[in-house]
N, C-alpha and C. Protein backbone atom coordinates (compact mmCIF):
# COMPACT_ATOMS: atom_id res chain seq x y z
N MET A 1 -20.64 20.79 -8.16
CA MET A 1 -19.26 20.35 -8.12
C MET A 1 -18.36 20.80 -9.21
N ALA A 2 -18.91 21.58 -10.02
CA ALA A 2 -18.21 21.94 -11.24
C ALA A 2 -16.93 22.86 -10.74
N GLU A 3 -16.98 23.58 -9.75
CA GLU A 3 -16.02 24.51 -9.33
C GLU A 3 -14.69 23.71 -8.84
N LEU A 4 -14.92 22.41 -8.66
CA LEU A 4 -13.80 21.51 -8.18
C LEU A 4 -12.99 21.02 -9.46
N ARG A 5 -13.48 21.35 -10.71
CA ARG A 5 -12.58 20.94 -11.77
C ARG A 5 -11.31 21.56 -12.03
N ARG A 6 -10.39 20.95 -12.47
CA ARG A 6 -9.07 21.53 -12.69
C ARG A 6 -8.54 21.05 -13.97
N GLU A 7 -7.61 21.72 -14.61
CA GLU A 7 -7.00 21.23 -15.81
C GLU A 7 -5.71 20.70 -15.50
N TYR A 8 -5.29 19.55 -16.14
CA TYR A 8 -4.11 18.85 -15.89
C TYR A 8 -2.87 19.47 -16.73
N THR A 9 -1.65 19.09 -16.23
CA THR A 9 -0.54 19.56 -17.07
C THR A 9 -0.31 18.87 -18.37
N ASP A 10 0.74 19.20 -19.23
CA ASP A 10 0.89 18.59 -20.47
C ASP A 10 2.14 17.81 -20.45
N ILE A 11 2.59 17.32 -19.24
CA ILE A 11 3.80 16.62 -19.08
C ILE A 11 3.67 15.17 -19.91
N GLY A 12 2.63 14.50 -19.45
CA GLY A 12 2.35 13.25 -19.97
C GLY A 12 3.33 12.12 -19.87
N LEU A 13 3.11 11.01 -20.50
CA LEU A 13 3.93 9.78 -20.38
C LEU A 13 4.07 9.13 -21.81
N ASP A 14 5.27 9.01 -22.33
CA ASP A 14 5.49 8.35 -23.53
C ASP A 14 6.12 7.01 -23.37
N GLU A 15 5.77 6.05 -24.30
CA GLU A 15 6.36 4.69 -24.29
C GLU A 15 7.84 4.71 -24.34
N ARG A 16 8.38 5.74 -25.14
CA ARG A 16 9.86 5.81 -25.19
C ARG A 16 10.54 6.11 -23.93
N ASP A 17 9.75 6.70 -22.94
CA ASP A 17 10.39 7.05 -21.59
C ASP A 17 10.16 6.09 -20.65
N LEU A 18 9.46 4.93 -21.01
CA LEU A 18 9.09 3.91 -20.11
C LEU A 18 10.16 2.88 -19.91
N ASP A 19 10.44 2.43 -18.71
CA ASP A 19 11.38 1.27 -18.49
C ASP A 19 10.65 0.01 -18.73
N ALA A 20 11.37 -0.99 -19.31
CA ALA A 20 10.67 -2.22 -19.64
C ALA A 20 10.34 -3.05 -18.34
N ASN A 21 10.85 -2.60 -17.21
CA ASN A 21 10.57 -3.30 -15.98
C ASN A 21 9.65 -2.29 -15.22
N PRO A 22 8.43 -2.83 -14.93
CA PRO A 22 7.57 -1.93 -14.14
C PRO A 22 8.00 -1.66 -12.72
N PHE A 23 8.72 -2.39 -12.08
CA PHE A 23 9.22 -2.09 -10.70
C PHE A 23 10.23 -0.92 -10.79
N LYS A 24 11.06 -1.02 -11.80
CA LYS A 24 12.06 0.16 -12.05
C LYS A 24 11.35 1.35 -12.37
N GLN A 25 10.31 1.26 -13.17
CA GLN A 25 9.53 2.43 -13.53
C GLN A 25 8.84 3.04 -12.19
N PHE A 26 8.31 2.21 -11.42
CA PHE A 26 7.76 2.68 -10.23
C PHE A 26 8.68 3.33 -9.33
N GLU A 27 9.84 2.63 -9.19
CA GLU A 27 10.76 3.24 -8.39
C GLU A 27 11.23 4.66 -8.81
N LYS A 28 11.31 4.77 -10.12
CA LYS A 28 11.66 6.15 -10.66
C LYS A 28 10.58 7.21 -10.39
N TRP A 29 9.35 6.75 -10.50
CA TRP A 29 8.15 7.85 -10.11
C TRP A 29 8.23 8.03 -8.67
N PHE A 30 8.30 6.99 -7.80
CA PHE A 30 8.28 7.11 -6.36
C PHE A 30 9.37 7.98 -5.91
N GLN A 31 10.57 7.93 -6.41
CA GLN A 31 11.61 8.71 -5.93
C GLN A 31 11.37 10.19 -6.35
N GLN A 32 10.73 10.34 -7.66
CA GLN A 32 10.37 11.75 -8.00
C GLN A 32 9.37 12.37 -7.02
N ALA A 33 8.36 11.53 -6.58
CA ALA A 33 7.40 11.94 -5.56
C ALA A 33 8.08 12.34 -4.22
N ILE A 34 9.11 11.55 -3.83
CA ILE A 34 9.89 11.93 -2.71
C ILE A 34 10.64 13.20 -2.82
N ASP A 35 11.32 13.30 -4.02
CA ASP A 35 12.10 14.52 -4.28
C ASP A 35 11.34 15.89 -4.42
N ALA A 36 9.99 15.62 -4.80
CA ALA A 36 8.91 16.74 -4.89
C ALA A 36 8.56 17.19 -3.47
N LYS A 37 8.95 16.37 -2.42
CA LYS A 37 8.60 16.66 -1.07
C LYS A 37 7.01 16.60 -0.98
N LEU A 38 6.49 15.70 -1.54
CA LEU A 38 4.95 15.45 -1.27
C LEU A 38 4.83 14.90 0.12
N ASP A 39 3.54 15.26 0.58
CA ASP A 39 3.18 14.60 1.84
C ASP A 39 2.83 13.25 1.72
N LEU A 40 3.37 12.22 2.39
CA LEU A 40 3.12 10.84 2.39
C LEU A 40 3.11 10.28 1.00
N PRO A 41 4.28 10.33 0.21
CA PRO A 41 4.28 9.67 -0.99
C PRO A 41 4.10 8.18 -0.94
N ASP A 42 4.35 7.52 0.13
CA ASP A 42 4.17 6.19 0.43
C ASP A 42 2.83 5.68 0.76
N ALA A 43 1.82 6.67 0.79
CA ALA A 43 0.43 6.15 1.14
C ALA A 43 -0.24 5.73 -0.06
N MET A 44 -0.91 4.58 0.10
CA MET A 44 -1.53 3.87 -0.99
C MET A 44 -2.91 3.36 -0.45
N THR A 45 -3.83 3.39 -1.40
CA THR A 45 -5.21 2.81 -1.14
C THR A 45 -5.10 1.20 -1.40
N LEU A 46 -5.34 0.43 -0.30
CA LEU A 46 -5.45 -1.00 -0.43
C LEU A 46 -6.96 -1.42 -0.43
N ALA A 47 -7.25 -2.05 -1.56
CA ALA A 47 -8.72 -2.56 -1.79
C ALA A 47 -8.61 -4.16 -1.61
N THR A 48 -9.55 -4.62 -0.79
CA THR A 48 -9.70 -6.03 -0.55
C THR A 48 -11.18 -6.41 -0.79
N ALA A 49 -11.39 -7.69 -0.70
CA ALA A 49 -12.71 -8.14 -0.91
C ALA A 49 -13.01 -9.36 -0.12
N THR A 50 -14.27 -9.78 0.46
CA THR A 50 -14.59 -10.90 1.02
C THR A 50 -14.66 -12.03 -0.21
N LYS A 51 -14.80 -13.23 0.33
CA LYS A 51 -14.94 -14.40 -0.71
C LYS A 51 -16.11 -14.15 -1.56
N ASP A 52 -17.03 -13.41 -1.17
CA ASP A 52 -18.44 -13.17 -1.94
C ASP A 52 -18.14 -11.93 -2.74
N GLY A 53 -17.08 -11.34 -2.74
CA GLY A 53 -16.84 -10.16 -3.66
C GLY A 53 -17.21 -8.75 -3.12
N ILE A 54 -17.56 -8.70 -1.71
CA ILE A 54 -17.97 -7.33 -1.16
C ILE A 54 -16.61 -6.62 -0.81
N PRO A 55 -16.51 -5.37 -1.43
CA PRO A 55 -15.05 -4.69 -1.40
C PRO A 55 -15.11 -3.96 -0.17
N SER A 56 -13.91 -3.56 0.19
CA SER A 56 -13.46 -2.51 1.18
C SER A 56 -12.30 -1.89 0.83
N ALA A 57 -11.96 -0.64 1.22
CA ALA A 57 -10.67 -0.04 0.80
C ALA A 57 -10.29 0.95 1.93
N ARG A 58 -8.96 1.11 2.20
CA ARG A 58 -8.42 1.92 3.25
C ARG A 58 -7.06 2.27 2.73
N ILE A 59 -6.49 3.28 3.52
CA ILE A 59 -5.04 3.77 3.29
C ILE A 59 -4.08 2.93 4.02
N VAL A 60 -3.15 2.47 3.51
CA VAL A 60 -1.92 1.91 4.15
C VAL A 60 -0.67 2.47 3.68
N LEU A 61 0.51 2.21 4.23
CA LEU A 61 1.80 2.78 3.80
C LEU A 61 2.64 1.69 3.30
N LEU A 62 3.27 2.03 2.19
CA LEU A 62 4.27 1.16 1.48
C LEU A 62 5.55 0.93 2.37
N ARG A 63 5.85 -0.23 2.86
CA ARG A 63 7.07 -0.40 3.70
C ARG A 63 8.09 -1.33 3.25
N GLY A 64 8.04 -1.61 1.87
CA GLY A 64 9.05 -2.38 1.19
C GLY A 64 8.54 -2.66 -0.23
N LEU A 65 9.65 -2.75 -1.11
CA LEU A 65 9.48 -3.05 -2.56
C LEU A 65 10.68 -3.63 -3.20
N ASP A 66 10.41 -4.74 -3.91
CA ASP A 66 11.46 -5.39 -4.82
C ASP A 66 10.64 -6.09 -5.84
N GLU A 67 11.31 -6.90 -6.59
CA GLU A 67 10.69 -7.41 -7.70
C GLU A 67 9.61 -8.65 -7.43
N ARG A 68 9.58 -9.01 -6.18
CA ARG A 68 8.57 -9.89 -5.67
C ARG A 68 7.23 -9.20 -5.42
N GLY A 69 7.39 -7.86 -5.16
CA GLY A 69 6.12 -7.12 -4.81
C GLY A 69 6.10 -5.96 -3.86
N PHE A 70 5.01 -5.45 -3.46
CA PHE A 70 4.76 -4.36 -2.72
C PHE A 70 4.39 -4.82 -1.15
N VAL A 71 5.06 -4.32 -0.15
CA VAL A 71 4.91 -4.75 1.25
C VAL A 71 4.33 -3.71 2.06
N PHE A 72 3.35 -4.18 2.89
CA PHE A 72 2.76 -3.28 3.96
C PHE A 72 2.54 -4.24 5.17
N TYR A 73 2.27 -3.62 6.31
CA TYR A 73 2.11 -4.32 7.61
C TYR A 73 0.93 -3.97 8.23
N THR A 74 0.22 -4.95 8.96
CA THR A 74 -1.01 -4.62 9.57
C THR A 74 -1.33 -5.78 10.54
N ASP A 75 -2.54 -5.73 11.10
CA ASP A 75 -3.03 -6.72 12.09
C ASP A 75 -3.70 -7.85 11.27
N TYR A 76 -3.23 -8.99 11.44
CA TYR A 76 -3.80 -10.13 10.63
C TYR A 76 -5.28 -10.41 10.95
N GLU A 77 -5.64 -9.92 12.13
CA GLU A 77 -7.02 -10.16 12.48
C GLU A 77 -7.96 -9.02 12.28
N SER A 78 -7.43 -8.06 11.51
CA SER A 78 -8.23 -6.80 11.12
C SER A 78 -9.18 -7.23 9.96
N GLN A 79 -10.04 -6.38 9.64
CA GLN A 79 -10.94 -6.62 8.59
C GLN A 79 -10.21 -7.05 7.24
N LYS A 80 -9.22 -6.19 6.91
CA LYS A 80 -8.40 -6.46 5.77
C LYS A 80 -7.66 -7.80 5.78
N GLY A 81 -7.12 -8.18 7.10
CA GLY A 81 -6.50 -9.40 7.26
C GLY A 81 -7.48 -10.62 7.08
N LYS A 82 -8.62 -10.53 7.64
CA LYS A 82 -9.61 -11.52 7.58
C LYS A 82 -10.04 -11.73 6.04
N GLU A 83 -10.34 -10.53 5.32
CA GLU A 83 -10.56 -10.69 3.86
C GLU A 83 -9.47 -11.23 3.04
N LEU A 84 -8.24 -10.90 3.36
CA LEU A 84 -7.11 -11.45 2.59
C LEU A 84 -6.96 -12.87 2.88
N ALA A 85 -7.26 -13.44 4.12
CA ALA A 85 -7.24 -14.76 4.33
C ALA A 85 -8.17 -15.55 3.53
N GLU A 86 -9.44 -15.08 3.23
CA GLU A 86 -10.29 -15.85 2.35
C GLU A 86 -10.29 -15.48 0.87
N ASN A 87 -9.65 -14.29 0.50
CA ASN A 87 -9.59 -13.90 -0.79
C ASN A 87 -8.31 -13.11 -1.04
N PRO A 88 -7.25 -13.76 -1.53
CA PRO A 88 -6.01 -13.08 -1.63
C PRO A 88 -5.81 -12.01 -2.74
N ASN A 89 -6.81 -11.97 -3.53
CA ASN A 89 -6.85 -10.90 -4.62
C ASN A 89 -6.93 -9.61 -4.03
N ALA A 90 -6.13 -8.62 -4.36
CA ALA A 90 -6.20 -7.24 -3.82
C ALA A 90 -5.58 -6.22 -4.95
N ALA A 91 -5.92 -4.92 -4.64
CA ALA A 91 -5.29 -3.88 -5.45
C ALA A 91 -4.75 -2.80 -4.62
N LEU A 92 -3.90 -2.11 -5.33
CA LEU A 92 -3.29 -0.83 -4.59
C LEU A 92 -3.50 0.28 -5.55
N VAL A 93 -3.49 1.51 -4.96
CA VAL A 93 -3.58 2.70 -5.82
C VAL A 93 -2.64 3.72 -5.13
N PHE A 94 -1.70 4.33 -5.82
CA PHE A 94 -0.99 5.44 -5.46
C PHE A 94 -1.42 6.67 -6.22
N TYR A 95 -1.73 7.84 -5.47
CA TYR A 95 -2.12 9.09 -6.19
C TYR A 95 -1.32 10.21 -5.73
N TRP A 96 -0.49 10.73 -6.67
CA TRP A 96 0.38 11.95 -6.38
C TRP A 96 -0.16 13.06 -7.08
N ARG A 97 -1.22 13.81 -6.50
CA ARG A 97 -1.91 14.83 -7.17
C ARG A 97 -0.94 15.96 -7.67
N GLU A 98 -0.02 16.27 -6.91
CA GLU A 98 0.85 17.57 -7.42
C GLU A 98 1.56 17.17 -8.63
N LEU A 99 1.85 15.96 -9.01
CA LEU A 99 2.52 15.40 -10.16
C LEU A 99 1.58 14.94 -11.29
N ASP A 100 0.22 15.06 -10.95
CA ASP A 100 -0.78 14.47 -11.96
C ASP A 100 -0.39 13.09 -12.26
N ARG A 101 -0.21 12.26 -11.36
CA ARG A 101 0.34 10.91 -11.64
C ARG A 101 -0.61 9.82 -10.72
N GLN A 102 -0.82 8.71 -11.11
CA GLN A 102 -1.49 7.66 -10.45
C GLN A 102 -0.95 6.36 -10.91
N VAL A 103 -0.74 5.31 -9.93
CA VAL A 103 -0.27 4.07 -10.15
C VAL A 103 -1.36 3.06 -9.66
N ARG A 104 -1.84 2.33 -10.55
CA ARG A 104 -2.79 1.17 -10.12
C ARG A 104 -2.05 -0.22 -10.24
N ILE A 105 -2.30 -1.08 -9.20
CA ILE A 105 -1.55 -2.27 -9.18
C ILE A 105 -2.50 -3.31 -8.69
N ALA A 106 -2.56 -4.57 -9.19
CA ALA A 106 -3.49 -5.67 -8.91
C ALA A 106 -2.61 -6.88 -8.81
N GLY A 107 -3.10 -7.88 -7.96
CA GLY A 107 -2.37 -9.07 -7.84
C GLY A 107 -2.77 -9.87 -6.77
N GLN A 108 -1.98 -10.76 -6.28
CA GLN A 108 -2.34 -11.58 -5.12
C GLN A 108 -1.46 -11.37 -3.99
N VAL A 109 -1.98 -11.41 -2.73
CA VAL A 109 -1.22 -11.07 -1.54
C VAL A 109 -0.84 -12.41 -0.73
N SER A 110 0.30 -12.45 -0.09
CA SER A 110 0.77 -13.35 0.67
C SER A 110 1.58 -12.87 1.91
N LYS A 111 1.64 -13.58 2.97
CA LYS A 111 2.31 -13.07 4.16
C LYS A 111 3.84 -13.07 3.83
N VAL A 112 4.56 -11.98 4.52
CA VAL A 112 5.96 -12.07 4.44
C VAL A 112 6.47 -13.13 5.55
N SER A 113 7.77 -13.36 5.61
CA SER A 113 8.18 -14.31 6.72
C SER A 113 8.07 -13.57 8.13
N ARG A 114 8.03 -14.46 9.08
CA ARG A 114 8.00 -13.94 10.38
C ARG A 114 9.22 -13.15 10.81
N GLU A 115 10.43 -13.61 10.25
CA GLU A 115 11.61 -12.83 10.47
C GLU A 115 11.51 -11.51 9.98
N ASN A 116 11.00 -11.32 8.76
CA ASN A 116 11.03 -10.03 8.14
C ASN A 116 10.02 -9.12 8.86
N SER A 117 8.84 -9.74 9.36
CA SER A 117 7.84 -9.01 9.99
C SER A 117 8.48 -8.42 11.46
N ASN A 118 9.31 -9.39 12.07
CA ASN A 118 9.92 -8.93 13.29
C ASN A 118 10.92 -7.85 13.11
N ASN A 119 11.73 -7.98 12.13
CA ASN A 119 12.73 -7.05 11.77
C ASN A 119 12.13 -5.62 11.56
N TYR A 120 11.07 -5.53 10.87
CA TYR A 120 10.40 -4.31 10.71
C TYR A 120 9.69 -3.79 11.99
N PHE A 121 9.03 -4.66 12.67
CA PHE A 121 8.45 -4.32 13.87
C PHE A 121 9.41 -3.64 14.79
N GLN A 122 10.56 -4.16 15.03
CA GLN A 122 11.52 -3.72 16.03
C GLN A 122 12.12 -2.47 15.51
N SER A 123 11.98 -2.08 14.29
CA SER A 123 12.38 -0.73 13.85
C SER A 123 11.45 0.33 14.09
N ARG A 124 10.26 0.11 14.49
CA ARG A 124 9.26 1.04 14.64
C ARG A 124 9.47 1.74 16.04
N PRO A 125 8.90 3.05 16.10
CA PRO A 125 8.95 3.65 17.39
C PRO A 125 8.29 2.87 18.52
N ALA A 126 8.83 2.96 19.79
CA ALA A 126 8.17 2.30 20.78
C ALA A 126 6.66 2.35 20.96
N GLY A 127 6.25 3.58 20.72
CA GLY A 127 4.83 3.84 20.84
C GLY A 127 3.94 3.12 19.85
N SER A 128 4.53 2.96 18.63
CA SER A 128 3.79 2.26 17.54
C SER A 128 3.74 0.75 17.94
N ARG A 129 4.93 0.20 18.51
CA ARG A 129 5.01 -1.20 18.85
C ARG A 129 4.03 -1.48 19.90
N LEU A 130 3.92 -0.65 20.93
CA LEU A 130 2.81 -0.78 21.98
C LEU A 130 1.45 -0.77 21.50
N ALA A 131 1.22 0.07 20.57
CA ALA A 131 -0.05 0.31 20.07
C ALA A 131 -0.42 -1.03 19.38
N ALA A 132 0.33 -1.74 18.60
CA ALA A 132 0.13 -2.96 17.98
C ALA A 132 -0.24 -4.09 18.99
N LEU A 133 0.32 -4.05 20.21
CA LEU A 133 -0.18 -4.93 21.22
C LEU A 133 -1.53 -4.54 21.84
N VAL A 134 -1.72 -3.28 21.96
CA VAL A 134 -2.93 -2.79 22.62
C VAL A 134 -4.22 -3.00 21.73
N SER A 135 -4.15 -2.58 20.42
CA SER A 135 -5.29 -2.66 19.57
C SER A 135 -5.47 -3.95 18.92
N LYS A 136 -6.67 -4.31 18.98
CA LYS A 136 -7.34 -5.47 18.23
C LYS A 136 -8.05 -4.83 17.23
N GLN A 137 -7.37 -4.59 15.98
CA GLN A 137 -7.84 -3.68 14.99
C GLN A 137 -9.11 -4.17 14.49
N SER A 138 -10.07 -3.32 14.30
CA SER A 138 -11.43 -3.53 13.72
C SER A 138 -12.47 -3.91 14.61
N GLU A 139 -12.05 -4.35 16.01
CA GLU A 139 -12.92 -4.83 16.89
C GLU A 139 -13.68 -3.60 17.59
N ILE A 140 -14.92 -3.82 17.93
CA ILE A 140 -15.75 -2.81 18.68
C ILE A 140 -15.17 -2.72 20.04
N ILE A 141 -14.99 -1.46 20.57
CA ILE A 141 -14.60 -1.31 22.01
C ILE A 141 -15.57 -0.22 22.57
N PRO A 142 -15.63 -0.24 23.92
CA PRO A 142 -16.69 0.64 24.61
C PRO A 142 -16.26 2.15 24.49
N ASP A 143 -14.91 2.49 24.64
CA ASP A 143 -14.57 3.79 24.55
C ASP A 143 -13.07 3.95 24.44
N ARG A 144 -12.52 5.03 24.28
CA ARG A 144 -11.10 5.25 24.06
C ARG A 144 -10.29 4.90 25.34
N LYS A 145 -10.87 5.10 26.50
CA LYS A 145 -10.23 4.87 27.75
C LYS A 145 -9.64 3.41 27.91
N VAL A 146 -10.40 2.46 27.22
CA VAL A 146 -9.87 1.20 27.15
C VAL A 146 -8.48 1.06 26.57
N LEU A 147 -8.30 1.79 25.50
CA LEU A 147 -7.05 1.78 24.79
C LEU A 147 -5.85 2.37 25.65
N GLU A 148 -6.32 3.56 26.13
CA GLU A 148 -5.18 4.39 26.90
C GLU A 148 -4.82 3.64 28.22
N GLU A 149 -5.79 3.01 28.86
CA GLU A 149 -5.26 2.27 30.03
C GLU A 149 -4.49 0.99 29.77
N ARG A 150 -4.79 0.34 28.72
CA ARG A 150 -4.05 -0.80 28.31
C ARG A 150 -2.70 -0.23 27.76
N PHE A 151 -2.61 0.76 27.06
CA PHE A 151 -1.30 1.31 26.60
C PHE A 151 -0.40 1.60 27.67
N ASN A 152 -0.89 2.30 28.73
CA ASN A 152 -0.12 2.80 29.91
C ASN A 152 0.32 1.47 30.74
N GLN A 153 -0.48 0.40 30.75
CA GLN A 153 -0.06 -0.79 31.52
C GLN A 153 1.10 -1.48 30.78
N LEU A 154 0.96 -1.49 29.51
CA LEU A 154 2.10 -2.16 28.61
C LEU A 154 3.32 -1.25 28.69
N ALA A 155 3.25 0.04 28.59
CA ALA A 155 4.38 0.88 28.71
C ALA A 155 5.10 0.57 29.98
N ALA A 156 4.43 0.53 30.98
CA ALA A 156 5.11 0.17 32.33
C ALA A 156 5.77 -1.25 32.34
N GLN A 157 5.11 -2.16 31.73
CA GLN A 157 5.47 -3.48 31.63
C GLN A 157 6.76 -3.75 30.94
N TYR A 158 6.96 -3.05 29.73
CA TYR A 158 8.03 -3.16 28.83
C TYR A 158 9.01 -1.97 28.94
N GLN A 159 8.89 -1.29 30.04
CA GLN A 159 9.78 -0.15 30.22
C GLN A 159 11.26 -0.40 29.92
N ASP A 160 11.76 -1.51 30.45
CA ASP A 160 13.13 -1.91 30.34
C ASP A 160 13.34 -3.17 29.54
N ALA A 161 12.35 -3.53 28.80
CA ALA A 161 12.40 -4.87 28.00
C ALA A 161 11.98 -4.73 26.50
N GLU A 162 12.39 -5.58 25.68
CA GLU A 162 11.96 -5.53 24.35
C GLU A 162 10.61 -5.87 24.22
N ILE A 163 9.93 -5.01 23.41
CA ILE A 163 8.44 -5.24 23.08
C ILE A 163 8.28 -6.28 22.11
N PRO A 164 7.55 -7.36 22.35
CA PRO A 164 7.52 -8.52 21.49
C PRO A 164 6.58 -8.25 20.31
N LEU A 165 6.83 -8.89 19.21
CA LEU A 165 5.97 -8.87 18.06
C LEU A 165 4.74 -9.74 18.21
N PRO A 166 3.59 -9.13 18.20
CA PRO A 166 2.35 -9.85 18.53
C PRO A 166 2.20 -10.88 17.34
N SER A 167 1.54 -11.99 17.84
CA SER A 167 1.51 -13.15 17.13
C SER A 167 0.41 -12.95 15.94
N ASP A 168 -0.48 -11.94 16.03
CA ASP A 168 -1.47 -11.67 14.90
C ASP A 168 -1.02 -10.27 14.18
N TRP A 169 0.22 -10.01 14.16
CA TRP A 169 0.70 -8.82 13.34
C TRP A 169 1.81 -9.17 12.54
N GLY A 170 1.78 -8.50 11.36
CA GLY A 170 2.92 -8.76 10.44
C GLY A 170 2.70 -8.23 9.01
N GLY A 171 3.61 -8.60 8.10
CA GLY A 171 3.56 -8.02 6.68
C GLY A 171 2.88 -8.86 5.71
N TYR A 172 2.52 -8.25 4.61
CA TYR A 172 1.96 -8.81 3.40
C TYR A 172 2.62 -8.23 2.33
N ARG A 173 2.77 -9.12 1.29
CA ARG A 173 3.35 -8.72 -0.01
C ARG A 173 2.32 -8.91 -1.21
N LEU A 174 2.05 -7.84 -1.88
CA LEU A 174 1.21 -7.92 -3.01
C LEU A 174 2.07 -8.19 -4.23
N SER A 175 2.02 -9.45 -4.85
CA SER A 175 2.75 -9.70 -6.04
C SER A 175 1.85 -9.37 -7.30
N PRO A 176 2.18 -8.36 -7.99
CA PRO A 176 1.35 -7.88 -9.15
C PRO A 176 1.34 -8.73 -10.33
N ASN A 177 0.21 -8.78 -10.91
CA ASN A 177 0.06 -9.26 -12.34
C ASN A 177 -0.25 -8.18 -13.26
N MET A 178 -0.59 -6.98 -12.69
CA MET A 178 -0.86 -5.78 -13.51
C MET A 178 -0.41 -4.45 -12.78
N ILE A 179 0.32 -3.71 -13.55
CA ILE A 179 0.68 -2.32 -12.92
C ILE A 179 0.40 -1.26 -14.14
N GLU A 180 -0.45 -0.32 -13.70
CA GLU A 180 -0.83 0.74 -14.80
C GLU A 180 -0.33 2.09 -14.22
N PHE A 181 0.40 2.79 -15.18
CA PHE A 181 0.81 4.21 -14.81
C PHE A 181 -0.04 5.18 -15.61
N TRP A 182 -0.58 6.11 -14.86
CA TRP A 182 -1.53 7.09 -15.43
C TRP A 182 -0.89 8.41 -15.24
N SER A 183 -0.93 9.31 -16.18
CA SER A 183 -0.43 10.74 -16.09
C SER A 183 -1.49 11.57 -16.88
N GLY A 184 -1.91 12.59 -15.87
CA GLY A 184 -2.87 13.44 -16.46
C GLY A 184 -2.50 14.33 -17.55
N ARG A 185 -3.42 14.60 -18.49
CA ARG A 185 -3.15 15.44 -19.57
C ARG A 185 -4.31 16.46 -19.79
N PRO A 186 -4.15 17.48 -20.51
CA PRO A 186 -5.26 18.43 -20.70
C PRO A 186 -6.44 17.81 -21.52
N SER A 187 -7.63 18.28 -21.28
CA SER A 187 -8.81 17.94 -21.86
C SER A 187 -9.18 16.44 -21.61
N ARG A 188 -8.57 15.93 -20.45
CA ARG A 188 -8.95 14.53 -20.00
C ARG A 188 -8.54 13.56 -21.00
N LEU A 189 -7.54 13.79 -21.94
CA LEU A 189 -6.93 12.87 -22.76
C LEU A 189 -5.71 12.37 -22.12
N HIS A 190 -5.90 11.67 -20.98
CA HIS A 190 -4.76 11.13 -20.11
C HIS A 190 -4.03 10.01 -20.75
N ASP A 191 -2.77 9.97 -20.37
CA ASP A 191 -1.94 8.76 -20.82
C ASP A 191 -2.07 7.72 -19.72
N ARG A 192 -2.23 6.45 -20.34
CA ARG A 192 -2.40 5.31 -19.45
C ARG A 192 -1.65 4.08 -20.00
N LEU A 193 -0.58 3.71 -19.46
CA LEU A 193 0.26 2.60 -19.87
C LEU A 193 0.16 1.48 -18.95
N ARG A 194 -0.02 0.29 -19.44
CA ARG A 194 -0.37 -0.85 -18.51
C ARG A 194 0.62 -2.03 -18.94
N TYR A 195 1.26 -2.49 -17.74
CA TYR A 195 2.07 -3.58 -17.89
C TYR A 195 1.24 -4.91 -17.41
N THR A 196 1.30 -5.91 -18.07
CA THR A 196 0.53 -7.13 -17.78
C THR A 196 1.62 -8.32 -17.78
N ARG A 197 1.64 -8.92 -16.58
CA ARG A 197 2.69 -10.05 -16.40
C ARG A 197 2.18 -11.27 -17.41
N GLN A 198 3.19 -11.89 -18.21
CA GLN A 198 2.93 -12.81 -19.06
C GLN A 198 3.26 -14.13 -18.48
N PRO A 199 2.88 -15.45 -19.05
CA PRO A 199 3.24 -16.69 -18.40
C PRO A 199 4.64 -16.92 -18.11
N ASN A 200 5.50 -16.39 -18.89
CA ASN A 200 7.02 -16.58 -18.78
C ASN A 200 7.48 -15.49 -17.74
N ASP A 201 6.75 -14.58 -17.19
CA ASP A 201 7.26 -13.62 -16.34
C ASP A 201 7.65 -12.32 -16.85
N ASP A 202 7.64 -12.34 -18.31
CA ASP A 202 7.85 -11.09 -18.95
C ASP A 202 6.72 -10.14 -18.75
N TRP A 203 6.85 -8.86 -19.16
CA TRP A 203 5.83 -7.85 -19.05
C TRP A 203 5.44 -7.32 -20.47
N ARG A 204 4.24 -7.38 -20.69
CA ARG A 204 3.66 -6.76 -21.99
C ARG A 204 3.21 -5.42 -21.63
N ILE A 205 3.53 -4.37 -22.38
CA ILE A 205 3.28 -2.93 -22.21
C ILE A 205 2.25 -2.55 -23.25
N GLU A 206 1.12 -1.93 -22.85
CA GLU A 206 0.06 -1.59 -23.77
C GLU A 206 -0.46 -0.24 -23.38
N ARG A 207 -0.80 0.56 -24.40
CA ARG A 207 -1.52 1.95 -24.01
C ARG A 207 -3.00 1.69 -24.05
N ILE A 208 -3.72 2.23 -23.13
CA ILE A 208 -5.09 2.06 -22.98
C ILE A 208 -5.78 3.36 -23.07
N SER A 209 -6.98 3.33 -23.59
CA SER A 209 -7.76 4.63 -23.66
C SER A 209 -8.12 5.22 -22.41
N PRO A 210 -7.97 6.54 -22.16
CA PRO A 210 -8.34 7.19 -20.90
C PRO A 210 -9.86 7.18 -20.67
């Protein structure tokens, strides 16, 4: 695997360049990822765990951000939905390889309002809305034909009607208590600056060893 090694840039991250507000700092980096025309800058790894601490992870897409937290949407009855119901502690990771940057986020997850979920759902392409009705995410199915037949049935049913928000589909918001910004540096002496939420909701910034 040695041939996969690569050297990092020397751009780095300095405390003097850091915004005191981690959400504003994230928005700055996120916009730079968009401006760099990276593929899927909104893709993030979501890690969840059962009540017994058995972890699982997958890629989801960031679909909202404010100072309350990071929002994504999914099936509430999926594996991640069931794990979040019994253990709301979760983590997110953004990795922008071309910029040698990574953001780690940890906190607790809660559902967004039904109104917010419906507003987002109705903004999606019709095919995506139909797929949310068709798929019982994470359930075992006999073959792909089951999905395709159900999709075609619903497409005909809702051809001239609004596609309804499924009762088991909606948004989650991860409210962070920790956000870490990582910037690759040569010789693996990377920069890691961590924000930790304090009891008064202020943020403490610390540099940690790579």
